[in-house]
C-alpha atoms as a PDB file:
ATOM      1  CA  MET A   1       0.395  -0.093   0.163  1.00  0.00           C
ATOM      2  CA  ASP A   2       2.876   2.547   0.645  1.00  0.00           C
ATOM      3  CA  SER A   3       3.593   2.168  -2.798  1.00  0.00           C
ATOM      4  CA  LEU A   4       0.350   3.057  -4.127  1.00  0.00           C
ATOM      5  CA  ILE A   5       0.377   6.554  -2.267  1.00  0.00           C
ATOM      6  CA  LYS A   6       4.098   7.397  -3.384  1.00  0.00           C
ATOM      7  CA  THR A   7       2.668   7.374  -7.059  1.00  0.00           C
ATOM      8  CA  THR A   8       2.869  10.502  -8.907  1.00  0.00           C
ATOM      9  CA  THR A   9       0.958  10.160 -12.095  1.00  0.00           C
ATOM     10  CA  CYS A  10      -1.627   8.271 -13.521  1.00  0.00           C
ATOM     11  CA  MET A  11       0.109   5.780 -15.618  1.00  0.00           C
ATOM     12  CA  GLU A  12       2.064   4.945 -12.098  1.00  0.00           C
ATOM     13  CA  LEU A  13      -1.096   4.624 -10.298  1.00  0.00           C
ATOM     14  CA  PHE A  14      -2.742   2.174 -12.953  1.00  0.00           C
ATOM     15  CA  ALA A  15       0.339   0.467 -13.505  1.00  0.00           C
ATOM     16  CA  THR A  16       0.669  -0.344  -9.794  1.00  0.00           C
ATOM     17  CA  VAL A  17      -3.342  -1.142  -9.065  1.00  0.00           C
ATOM     18  CA  PHE A  18      -3.249  -3.306 -12.503  1.00  0.00           C
ATOM     19  CA  ASP A  19      -0.303  -4.958 -11.547  1.00  0.00           C
ATOM     20  CA  TYR A  20       0.887  -3.853 -15.156  1.00  0.00           C
ATOM     21  CA  GLU A  21       4.134  -3.737 -16.013  1.00  0.00           C
ATOM     22  CA  LYS A  22       5.099   0.332 -15.879  1.00  0.00           C
ATOM     23  CA  THR A  23       4.520   1.932 -18.891  1.00  0.00           C
ATOM     24  CA  GLY A  24       6.850   3.074 -21.771  1.00  0.00           C
ATOM     25  CA  ALA A  25       7.499   6.769 -23.216  1.00  0.00           C
ATOM     26  CA  ASP A  26       4.294   6.270 -25.396  1.00  0.00           C
ATOM     27  CA  GLY A  27       2.055   6.682 -22.451  1.00  0.00           C
ATOM     28  CA  TYR A  28       0.389   3.034 -22.587  1.00  0.00           C
ATOM     29  CA  ILE A  29      -0.640   0.386 -20.347  1.00  0.00           C
ATOM     30  CA  GLY A  30       0.113  -2.834 -20.672  1.00  0.00           C
ATOM     31  CA  GLY A  31      -1.014  -2.142 -24.385  1.00  0.00           C
ATOM     32  CA  ILE A  32      -4.532  -1.342 -23.295  1.00  0.00           C
ATOM     33  CA  ILE A  33      -4.945   2.208 -21.561  1.00  0.00           C
ATOM     34  CA  ASP A  34      -3.735   5.230 -23.654  1.00  0.00           C
ATOM     35  CA  MET A  35      -2.598   7.608 -20.480  1.00  0.00           C
ATOM     36  CA  LYS A  36      -1.592  10.848 -22.652  1.00  0.00           C
ATOM     37  CA  ARG A  37      -4.727  10.723 -24.880  1.00  0.00           C
ATOM     38  CA  GLU A  38      -5.858  14.220 -24.733  1.00  0.00           C
ATOM     39  CA  MET A  39      -9.977  14.345 -23.500  1.00  0.00           C
ATOM     40  CA  LYS A  40     -12.125  15.731 -25.968  1.00  0.00           C
ATOM     41  CA  VAL A  41     -15.529  17.230 -25.545  1.00  0.00           C
ATOM     42  CA  ILE A  42     -17.234  13.886 -25.463  1.00  0.00           C
ATOM     43  CA  ASP A  43     -14.904  12.565 -23.031  1.00  0.00           C
ATOM     44  CA  TRP A  44     -15.660  14.814 -20.500  1.00  0.00           C
ATOM     45  CA  THR A  45     -19.167  14.669 -21.231  1.00  0.00           C
ATOM     46  CA  HIS A  46     -19.484  10.985 -20.481  1.00  0.00           C
ATOM     47  CA  VAL A  47     -17.552  12.107 -17.303  1.00  0.00           C
ATOM     48  CA  ILE A  48     -19.667  14.691 -15.921  1.00  0.00           C
ATOM     49  CA  ALA A  49     -22.823  12.196 -16.876  1.00  0.00           C
ATOM     50  CA  GLY A  50     -21.162   9.490 -14.863  1.00  0.00           C
ATOM     51  CA  ILE A  51     -20.510  11.848 -12.171  1.00  0.00           C
ATOM     52  CA  PHE A  52     -24.010  12.623 -12.089  1.00  0.00           C
ATOM     53  CA  ILE A  53     -25.622   9.382 -12.253  1.00  0.00           C
ATOM     54  CA  LEU A  54     -23.556   8.046  -9.407  1.00  0.00           C
ATOM     55  CA  VAL A  55     -24.016  11.375  -7.413  1.00  0.00           C
ATOM     56  CA  SER A  56     -28.213  11.220  -7.714  1.00  0.00           C
ATOM     57  CA  LEU A  57     -27.876   7.534  -7.221  1.00  0.00           C
ATOM     58  CA  ALA A  58     -26.290   7.904  -3.751  1.00  0.00           C
ATOM     59  CA  LEU A  59     -28.917  10.899  -2.951  1.00  0.00           C
ATOM     60  CA  GLY A  60     -31.628   8.961  -3.775  1.00  0.00           C
ATOM     61  CA  THR A  61     -30.667   6.256  -1.575  1.00  0.00           C
ATOM     62  CA  LEU A  62     -29.454   8.103   1.250  1.00  0.00           C
ATOM     63  CA  ALA A  63     -31.619  11.197   1.184  1.00  0.00           C
ATOM     64  CA  HIS A  64     -34.738  11.224  -0.494  1.00  0.00           C
ATOM     65  CA  PRO A  65     -36.139   8.463  -3.495  1.00  0.00           C
ATOM     66  CA  TYR A  66     -36.800  11.821  -5.824  1.00  0.00           C
ATOM     67  CA  TRP A  67     -33.432  12.171  -6.571  1.00  0.00           C
ATOM     68  CA  TYR A  68     -33.821   8.612  -9.043  1.00  0.00           C
ATOM     69  CA  PHE A  69     -35.799  11.754 -11.300  1.00  0.00           C
ATOM     70  CA  PHE A  70     -32.297  13.713 -11.483  1.00  0.00           C
ATOM     71  CA  THR A  71     -31.091  10.023 -12.489  1.00  0.00           C
ATOM     72  CA  ALA A  72     -33.909   9.033 -15.387  1.00  0.00           C
ATOM     73  CA  PHE A  73     -33.245  12.605 -16.593  1.00  0.00           C
ATOM     74  CA  VAL A  74     -29.516  12.407 -17.461  1.00  0.00           C
ATOM     75  CA  GLY A  75     -30.556   8.823 -18.728  1.00  0.00           C
ATOM     76  CA  LEU A  76     -32.942  10.004 -21.149  1.00  0.00           C
ATOM     77  CA  ASN A  77     -30.495  12.835 -22.047  1.00  0.00           C
ATOM     78  CA  LEU A  78     -28.112  10.377 -22.847  1.00  0.00           C
ATOM     79  CA  PHE A  79     -30.601   8.905 -24.738  1.00  0.00           C
ATOM     80  CA  GLN A  80     -31.494  11.367 -26.916  1.00  0.00           C
ATOM     81  CA  PHE A  81     -28.237  12.534 -27.587  1.00  0.00           C
ATOM     82  CA  GLY A  82     -27.449   9.189 -29.130  1.00  0.00           C
ATOM     83  CA  PHE A  83     -29.966  10.271 -31.805  1.00  0.00           C
ATOM     84  CA  THR A  84     -29.590  14.268 -32.009  1.00  0.00           C
ATOM     85  CA  GLY A  85     -26.248  14.821 -31.530  1.00  0.00           C
ATOM     86  CA  PHE A  86     -27.771  17.835 -29.467  1.00  0.00           C
ATOM     87  CA  CYS A  87     -25.973  18.142 -25.748  1.00  0.00           C
ATOM     88  CA  LEU A  88     -26.114  21.114 -23.568  1.00  0.00           C
ATOM     89  CA  VAL A  89     -22.872  20.251 -21.445  1.00  0.00           C
ATOM     90  CA  GLY A  90     -20.809  19.690 -24.660  1.00  0.00           C
ATOM     91  CA  LEU A  91     -22.035  23.097 -25.861  1.00  0.00           C
ATOM     92  CA  ALA A  92     -20.794  24.622 -22.657  1.00  0.00           C
ATOM     93  CA  LEU A  93     -17.669  22.730 -23.112  1.00  0.00           C
ATOM     94  CA  LYS A  94     -17.191  24.088 -26.108  1.00  0.00           C
ATOM     95  CA  LYS A  95     -17.512  27.317 -25.262  1.00  0.00           C
ATOM     96  CA  LEU A  96     -15.050  27.034 -22.266  1.00  0.00           C
ATOM     97  CA  GLY A  97     -12.448  26.090 -25.029  1.00  0.00           C
ATOM     98  CA  VAL A  98     -12.438  22.307 -24.478  1.00  0.00           C
ATOM     99  CA  PRO A  99     -10.993  20.679 -27.744  1.00  0.00           C
ATOM    100  CA  GLU A 100     -13.544  18.841 -30.195  1.00  0.00           C
END
């Protein structure tokens, strides 16, 4: 556990947790995960949606069941994005200068 705390980069952390060999200069861990890849709007949209879903599920369990409606709202937005390509979070991220 001591070696896990001393890791400083995402590549080293993943290599320690998943017991892969240390990554090379190319940034790949075990030939699978590219840790030097630039995150784009769609990546950040997935991250934000995932956080919203996890937080609303926790709040629905711990605080009040009405929070599950927020989970459904996020899911419906992901569903409609698949058909229309329209996403308010994506528009906001583009305005903030996140690369496409």
